[in-house]
Amino acid sequence: MKLYAAPASPFARKVRIFLLETGQSDDVAVQMIKVGPTAPHEDLNAANPLGKIPALVRDEGPAIYDSRVICRFLDARADAGLYPQSRLWEVLTLEATADAIMEAAVLITYEARLRPPEKRSGDWTEAQWTKIARALSALETRWISHLSGPMDAGHIAVAAALGYLDFRHDARGWRKGHEALAGWYAGFARRPSMVATEPTD
């Protein structure tokens, strides 16, 4: 199988962490590509008509895309149990929260990098960060007990999201006021799967 990814993408990183944590990295060739809203990639578009990463080209069956879909597929393929039935809705909600952090953070990055200065909206950027701030507060209070438990897909998604905040938005200082979450992340970030997938430009 082949995974289309980009070194800086938090969504692709989530899948790459998942591959390592479930012992499937040798089964999937990761192809790093340059792609963005204004930089389409022909091979990626053939796999995912939306032109977004990650996309997984399977040996049997059509390509699948969206990181949540790919992670569910990999979990089922390896019978890894990272979406445990006993707390499935909590795991899915936590993963959705993390993905929303990633989406807002990527949009902030695009606003700064792709739009000319005279067309950038500070209000729009701050509105995206407000979403992130609310999500961080929820992780700090509502979800920290879950994160302190056995690892599941939600843990991986949250770690990928926080790693992207460090990578692109470190000046925002997300750890302030989120000491429990910061402590959890400090431990999780030492996992070999996290070290091996650190984002780069």
Protein backbone atom coordinates (compact mmCIF):
# COMPACT_ATOMS: atom_id res chain seq x y z
CA MET A 1 0.00 0.00 0.00
CA LYS A 2 1.00 3.62 -0.44
CA LEU A 3 0.28 6.58 1.81
CA TYR A 4 0.38 10.06 0.34
CA ALA A 5 1.60 12.40 3.06
CA ALA A 6 3.48 15.64 3.66
CA PRO A 7 6.16 16.19 6.31
CA ALA A 8 4.32 19.08 7.96
CA SER A 9 0.76 17.76 7.83
CA PRO A 10 -0.68 16.91 11.27
CA PHE A 11 -3.36 14.74 9.65
CA ALA A 12 -0.75 12.71 7.80
CA ARG A 13 1.36 12.55 10.95
CA LYS A 14 -1.57 11.07 12.83
CA VAL A 15 -1.75 8.23 10.31
CA ARG A 16 2.02 7.75 10.35
CA ILE A 17 1.97 7.46 14.15
CA PHE A 18 -0.88 5.00 13.82
CA LEU A 19 1.15 2.88 11.41
CA LEU A 20 4.04 2.68 13.84
CA GLU A 21 1.91 2.05 16.91
CA THR A 22 0.04 -0.80 15.18
CA GLY A 23 3.12 -2.41 13.64
CA GLN A 24 2.10 -1.77 10.04
CA SER A 25 4.80 0.65 8.89
CA ASP A 26 6.51 -2.04 6.81
CA ASP A 27 3.27 -2.67 4.91
CA VAL A 28 2.83 0.90 3.71
CA ALA A 29 5.18 2.97 1.57
CA VAL A 30 4.95 6.61 2.64
CA GLN A 31 5.29 8.98 -0.29
CA MET A 32 6.00 12.52 0.83
CA ILE A 33 4.65 15.13 -1.57
CA LYS A 34 4.25 18.90 -1.71
CA VAL A 35 0.62 19.85 -1.86
CA GLY A 36 -1.60 22.73 -0.80
CA PRO A 37 -4.75 24.63 -1.69
CA THR A 38 -2.98 26.28 -4.61
CA ALA A 39 -0.55 23.45 -5.41
CA PRO A 40 -2.42 20.36 -6.64
CA HIS A 41 -0.70 17.02 -7.10
CA GLU A 42 -1.82 14.83 -10.01
CA ASP A 43 -1.20 11.45 -8.36
CA LEU A 44 -2.88 12.55 -5.15
CA ASN A 45 -5.89 13.84 -7.07
CA ALA A 46 -6.22 10.43 -8.70
CA ALA A 47 -6.37 8.82 -5.26
CA ASN A 48 -8.46 11.52 -3.58
CA PRO A 49 -10.56 13.77 -5.81
CA LEU A 50 -10.53 16.40 -3.07
CA GLY A 51 -6.75 16.66 -3.44
CA LYS A 52 -6.14 16.39 0.30
CA ILE A 53 -3.70 14.35 2.31
CA PRO A 54 -3.50 11.80 3.74
CA ALA A 55 -4.75 9.32 1.17
CA LEU A 56 -4.09 5.58 1.32
CA VAL A 57 -3.83 3.61 -1.91
CA ARG A 58 -4.70 0.03 -1.08
CA ASP A 59 -3.57 -3.13 -2.84
CA GLU A 60 -7.18 -4.29 -3.02
CA GLY A 61 -10.06 -1.88 -3.30
CA PRO A 62 -10.21 1.83 -4.02
CA ALA A 63 -8.04 4.39 -2.28
CA ILE A 64 -9.41 5.74 0.98
CA TYR A 65 -8.91 9.19 2.44
CA ASP A 66 -9.53 11.38 5.47
CA SER A 67 -7.29 10.55 8.41
CA ARG A 68 -10.16 9.24 10.54
CA VAL A 69 -11.22 6.80 7.82
CA ILE A 70 -7.65 5.61 7.28
CA CYS A 71 -7.04 5.14 11.01
CA ARG A 72 -10.23 3.10 11.40
CA PHE A 73 -9.15 0.95 8.45
CA LEU A 74 -5.67 0.40 9.87
CA ASP A 75 -7.07 -0.39 13.30
CA ALA A 76 -9.40 -3.01 11.84
CA ARG A 77 -6.65 -4.42 9.62
CA ALA A 78 -4.31 -4.97 12.56
CA ASP A 79 -7.04 -5.74 15.10
CA ALA A 80 -5.24 -3.16 17.23
CA GLY A 81 -8.15 -2.23 19.50
CA LEU A 82 -7.49 1.52 19.38
CA TYR A 83 -11.21 2.13 18.92
CA PRO A 84 -12.46 0.04 21.85
CA GLN A 85 -16.17 -0.62 21.76
CA SER A 86 -16.51 0.05 25.47
CA ARG A 87 -15.65 3.72 25.00
CA LEU A 88 -16.07 4.13 21.26
CA TRP A 89 -18.10 7.34 21.32
CA GLU A 90 -15.65 8.99 23.68
CA VAL A 91 -12.72 7.99 21.47
CA LEU A 92 -14.43 9.27 18.33
CA THR A 93 -15.38 12.56 19.99
CA LEU A 94 -11.85 13.06 21.30
CA GLU A 95 -10.45 12.34 17.85
CA ALA A 96 -12.91 14.80 16.30
CA THR A 97 -11.85 17.45 18.83
CA ALA A 98 -8.20 16.94 17.97
CA ASP A 99 -8.91 17.02 14.25
CA ALA A 100 -10.77 20.31 14.69
CA ILE A 101 -7.72 21.78 16.42
CA MET A 102 -5.59 20.67 13.48
CA GLU A 103 -8.01 22.11 10.94
CA ALA A 104 -8.17 25.51 12.63
CA ALA A 105 -4.40 25.59 13.10
CA VAL A 106 -3.77 24.71 9.45
CA LEU A 107 -6.18 27.43 8.35
CA ILE A 108 -4.26 29.97 10.42
CA THR A 109 -1.07 28.81 8.73
CA TYR A 110 -2.63 29.13 5.28
CA GLU A 111 -3.91 32.62 6.07
CA ALA A 112 -0.40 33.77 6.94
CA ARG A 113 1.45 31.94 4.19
CA LEU A 114 -0.84 32.00 1.18
CA ARG A 115 -2.77 35.26 1.36
CA PRO A 116 -1.11 38.58 0.54
CA PRO A 117 -0.67 40.79 3.62
CA GLU A 118 -3.31 43.30 2.56
CA LYS A 119 -5.95 40.55 2.34
CA ARG A 120 -5.25 38.80 5.64
CA SER A 121 -7.92 38.99 8.30
CA GLY A 122 -6.76 39.29 11.88
CA ASP A 123 -10.32 38.81 13.12
CA TRP A 124 -10.69 35.59 11.13
CA THR A 125 -7.35 34.31 12.39
CA GLU A 126 -8.28 35.04 15.99
CA ALA A 127 -11.64 33.34 15.50
CA GLN A 128 -9.77 30.18 14.47
CA TRP A 129 -7.52 30.43 17.51
CA THR A 130 -10.56 30.89 19.75
CA LYS A 131 -11.81 27.51 18.54
CA ILE A 132 -8.44 26.00 19.42
CA ALA A 133 -8.42 27.66 22.84
CA ARG A 134 -11.86 26.29 23.67
CA ALA A 135 -10.80 22.83 22.57
CA LEU A 136 -7.63 23.01 24.67
CA SER A 137 -9.69 23.97 27.71
CA ALA A 138 -11.97 21.00 27.09
CA LEU A 139 -8.97 18.68 26.83
CA GLU A 140 -7.55 20.10 30.05
CA THR A 141 -10.76 19.54 32.02
CA ARG A 142 -13.19 17.18 30.37
CA TRP A 143 -10.73 14.83 28.66
CA ILE A 144 -7.61 14.67 30.83
CA SER A 145 -8.83 11.62 32.74
CA HIS A 146 -9.38 9.82 29.43
CA LEU A 147 -5.95 10.82 28.19
CA SER A 148 -4.46 9.49 31.42
CA GLY A 149 -5.91 6.03 30.67
CA PRO A 150 -4.95 3.32 28.17
CA MET A 151 -3.87 4.58 24.77
CA ASP A 152 -6.44 4.70 22.01
CA ALA A 153 -6.94 6.59 18.75
CA GLY A 154 -7.93 9.72 20.64
CA HIS A 155 -4.52 9.90 22.30
CA ILE A 156 -2.76 9.71 18.93
CA ALA A 157 -4.96 12.42 17.42
CA VAL A 158 -4.48 14.79 20.35
CA ALA A 159 -0.72 14.27 20.28
CA ALA A 160 -0.59 15.03 16.55
CA ALA A 161 -2.64 18.19 17.10
CA LEU A 162 -0.49 19.47 19.96
CA GLY A 163 2.64 18.67 18.01
CA TYR A 164 1.40 20.84 15.17
CA LEU A 165 0.70 23.72 17.55
CA ASP A 166 4.31 23.47 18.70
CA PHE A 167 5.53 23.29 15.12
CA ARG A 168 3.58 26.18 13.59
CA HIS A 169 2.15 28.21 16.46
CA ASP A 170 4.60 27.87 19.33
CA ALA A 171 4.48 31.62 19.96
CA ARG A 172 0.86 31.24 21.06
CA GLY A 173 2.04 29.36 24.15
CA TRP A 174 -0.76 26.80 24.28
CA ARG A 175 0.64 25.24 27.49
CA LYS A 176 -0.24 28.29 29.60
CA GLY A 177 -3.32 27.44 31.62
CA HIS A 178 -3.23 23.84 30.41
CA GLU A 179 -0.63 22.40 32.74
CA ALA A 180 -2.18 18.93 33.02
CA LEU A 181 -2.45 18.62 29.24
CA ALA A 182 1.10 19.87 28.81
CA GLY A 183 2.33 17.29 31.31
CA TRP A 184 0.49 14.50 29.52
CA TYR A 185 1.89 15.60 26.16
CA ALA A 186 5.45 15.79 27.48
CA GLY A 187 5.26 12.10 28.27
CA PHE A 188 3.48 11.03 25.10
CA ALA A 189 5.86 13.02 22.90
CA ARG A 190 8.71 10.76 23.99
CA ARG A 191 7.14 7.71 22.36
CA PRO A 192 9.27 6.39 19.47
CA SER A 193 6.35 6.87 17.06
CA MET A 194 6.23 10.55 17.94
CA VAL A 195 9.97 11.08 17.66
CA ALA A 196 10.08 9.29 14.30
CA THR A 197 7.33 11.47 12.81
CA GLU A 198 8.31 14.93 14.00
CA PRO A 199 7.09 17.47 11.42
CA THR A 200 9.42 19.28 9.06
CA ASP A 201 9.00 21.85 6.31
